[in-house]
Amino acid sequence: MANPNLTTGGIWRLHRGDQEIARLTVIGTDMPWIYAEVETLPGFEEFRPLFAEQERANEEEDWEQAEACYTQIRNALAMSFPDGSPVAEFMLVIYDDGTAGWRFHDERFGAVNQ
């Protein structure tokens, strides 16, 4: 049985506290990665430089900086599945071109305190 959270067109949501700051509409998967188009909402702009820095660090293979960005993202933001339930753990990259890629897990990795 296919995972309904991975269905093309499904909308995952990115939150800061109770505020939804982005919608991620699934356009495809290449497990374990999910890919989406990103619709930014009020509140996202504060995080745009952080995602840009993460993208730069990944491209330059600066893994220490990429990890630092990941930690900041996970400490500040949460994701929810299309059904609204919380995602326990995720690694999200939002690209400057308006797309995103992420992985998720059903349990916290334990390295990030939130």
Protein backbone atom coordinates (compact mmCIF):
# COMPACT_ATOMS: atom_id res chain seq x y z
CA MET A 1 0.00 0.00 0.00
CA ALA A 2 1.38 3.40 -0.99
CA ASN A 3 2.07 6.01 1.66
CA PRO A 4 -0.61 8.72 1.24
CA ASN A 5 1.84 11.35 2.50
CA LEU A 6 3.96 10.82 -0.60
CA THR A 7 1.17 11.33 -3.13
CA THR A 8 1.87 13.93 -5.80
CA GLY A 9 -0.11 17.04 -4.92
CA GLY A 10 -0.07 16.34 -1.19
CA ILE A 11 0.64 19.47 0.86
CA TRP A 12 3.09 19.36 3.76
CA ARG A 13 3.25 22.45 5.96
CA LEU A 14 6.17 24.27 7.56
CA HIS A 15 5.48 26.05 10.86
CA ARG A 16 7.09 28.38 13.31
CA GLY A 17 5.12 27.79 16.46
CA ASP A 18 1.46 28.13 15.49
CA GLN A 19 2.21 30.14 12.34
CA GLU A 20 2.27 28.33 9.00
CA ILE A 21 5.11 29.88 6.99
CA ALA A 22 5.26 27.64 3.89
CA ARG A 23 3.33 24.98 2.00
CA LEU A 24 5.26 22.24 0.24
CA THR A 25 3.29 20.59 -2.58
CA VAL A 26 4.76 17.18 -3.44
CA ILE A 27 5.93 16.90 -7.06
CA GLY A 28 7.82 13.63 -6.76
CA THR A 29 9.86 11.25 -4.66
CA ASP A 30 13.17 9.46 -4.92
CA MET A 31 13.15 7.73 -1.57
CA PRO A 32 14.20 8.63 0.94
CA TRP A 33 13.84 12.15 -0.54
CA ILE A 34 10.57 13.95 -1.23
CA TYR A 35 10.49 16.92 -3.61
CA ALA A 36 8.05 19.79 -3.68
CA GLU A 37 7.20 23.21 -4.99
CA VAL A 38 7.24 25.77 -2.20
CA GLU A 39 4.60 28.41 -1.55
CA THR A 40 5.99 30.86 0.98
CA LEU A 41 3.68 32.61 3.41
CA PRO A 42 4.13 35.53 5.83
CA GLY A 43 6.88 34.66 8.30
CA PHE A 44 9.03 32.74 5.82
CA GLU A 45 11.25 35.67 4.80
CA GLU A 46 12.99 35.61 8.16
CA PHE A 47 14.30 32.13 7.30
CA ARG A 48 15.13 32.66 3.62
CA PRO A 49 18.78 33.66 4.36
CA LEU A 50 19.23 30.54 6.51
CA PHE A 51 17.95 28.25 3.74
CA ALA A 52 20.17 30.11 1.23
CA GLU A 53 23.18 29.58 3.47
CA GLN A 54 22.33 25.90 3.82
CA GLU A 55 22.06 25.55 0.03
CA ARG A 56 25.42 27.30 -0.42
CA ALA A 57 27.07 25.10 2.21
CA ASN A 58 25.71 21.93 0.58
CA GLU A 59 26.90 23.03 -2.87
CA GLU A 60 30.38 23.80 -1.51
CA GLU A 61 30.42 20.58 0.53
CA ASP A 62 30.92 22.59 3.71
CA TRP A 63 29.28 19.91 5.83
CA GLU A 64 30.00 21.61 9.14
CA GLN A 65 28.12 24.75 8.05
CA ALA A 66 25.33 22.68 6.45
CA GLU A 67 24.90 20.86 9.77
CA ALA A 68 24.82 24.17 11.65
CA CYS A 69 22.06 25.41 9.32
CA TYR A 70 20.13 22.16 9.76
CA THR A 71 20.32 22.55 13.54
CA GLN A 72 19.04 26.14 13.38
CA ILE A 73 16.18 25.11 11.08
CA ARG A 74 15.13 22.22 13.31
CA ASN A 75 15.31 24.33 16.47
CA ALA A 76 13.08 27.00 14.96
CA LEU A 77 10.66 25.16 12.67
CA ALA A 78 8.31 22.17 12.57
CA MET A 79 6.63 20.30 9.72
CA SER A 80 3.27 18.60 9.45
CA PHE A 81 2.05 15.86 7.16
CA PRO A 82 -0.77 16.50 4.69
CA ASP A 83 -3.24 15.16 7.29
CA GLY A 84 -2.02 17.80 9.78
CA SER A 85 -0.18 15.46 12.13
CA PRO A 86 3.33 16.52 13.20
CA VAL A 87 6.47 15.17 11.54
CA ALA A 88 8.74 13.87 14.31
CA GLU A 89 12.01 14.48 12.44
CA PHE A 90 12.94 16.00 9.11
CA MET A 91 15.89 17.26 7.13
CA LEU A 92 14.62 20.03 4.84
CA VAL A 93 16.37 22.01 2.15
CA ILE A 94 14.49 24.87 0.46
CA TYR A 95 16.19 26.02 -2.72
CA ASP A 96 16.34 29.50 -4.16
CA ASP A 97 14.40 28.29 -7.23
CA GLY A 98 11.23 27.71 -5.16
CA THR A 99 11.59 23.96 -4.77
CA ALA A 100 12.41 21.84 -1.73
CA GLY A 101 13.71 18.42 -0.86
CA TRP A 102 13.42 16.66 2.47
CA ARG A 103 13.61 13.38 4.31
CA PHE A 104 11.59 12.48 7.35
CA HIS A 105 11.51 9.93 10.12
CA ASP A 106 8.85 8.80 12.56
CA GLU A 107 11.08 9.40 15.59
CA ARG A 108 13.37 12.24 16.65
CA PHE A 109 17.04 11.68 15.82
CA GLY A 110 17.95 12.91 19.29
CA ALA A 111 20.70 15.30 18.18
CA VAL A 112 18.52 18.41 18.08
CA ASN A 113 16.81 19.90 21.12
CA GLN A 114 13.55 21.65 20.48
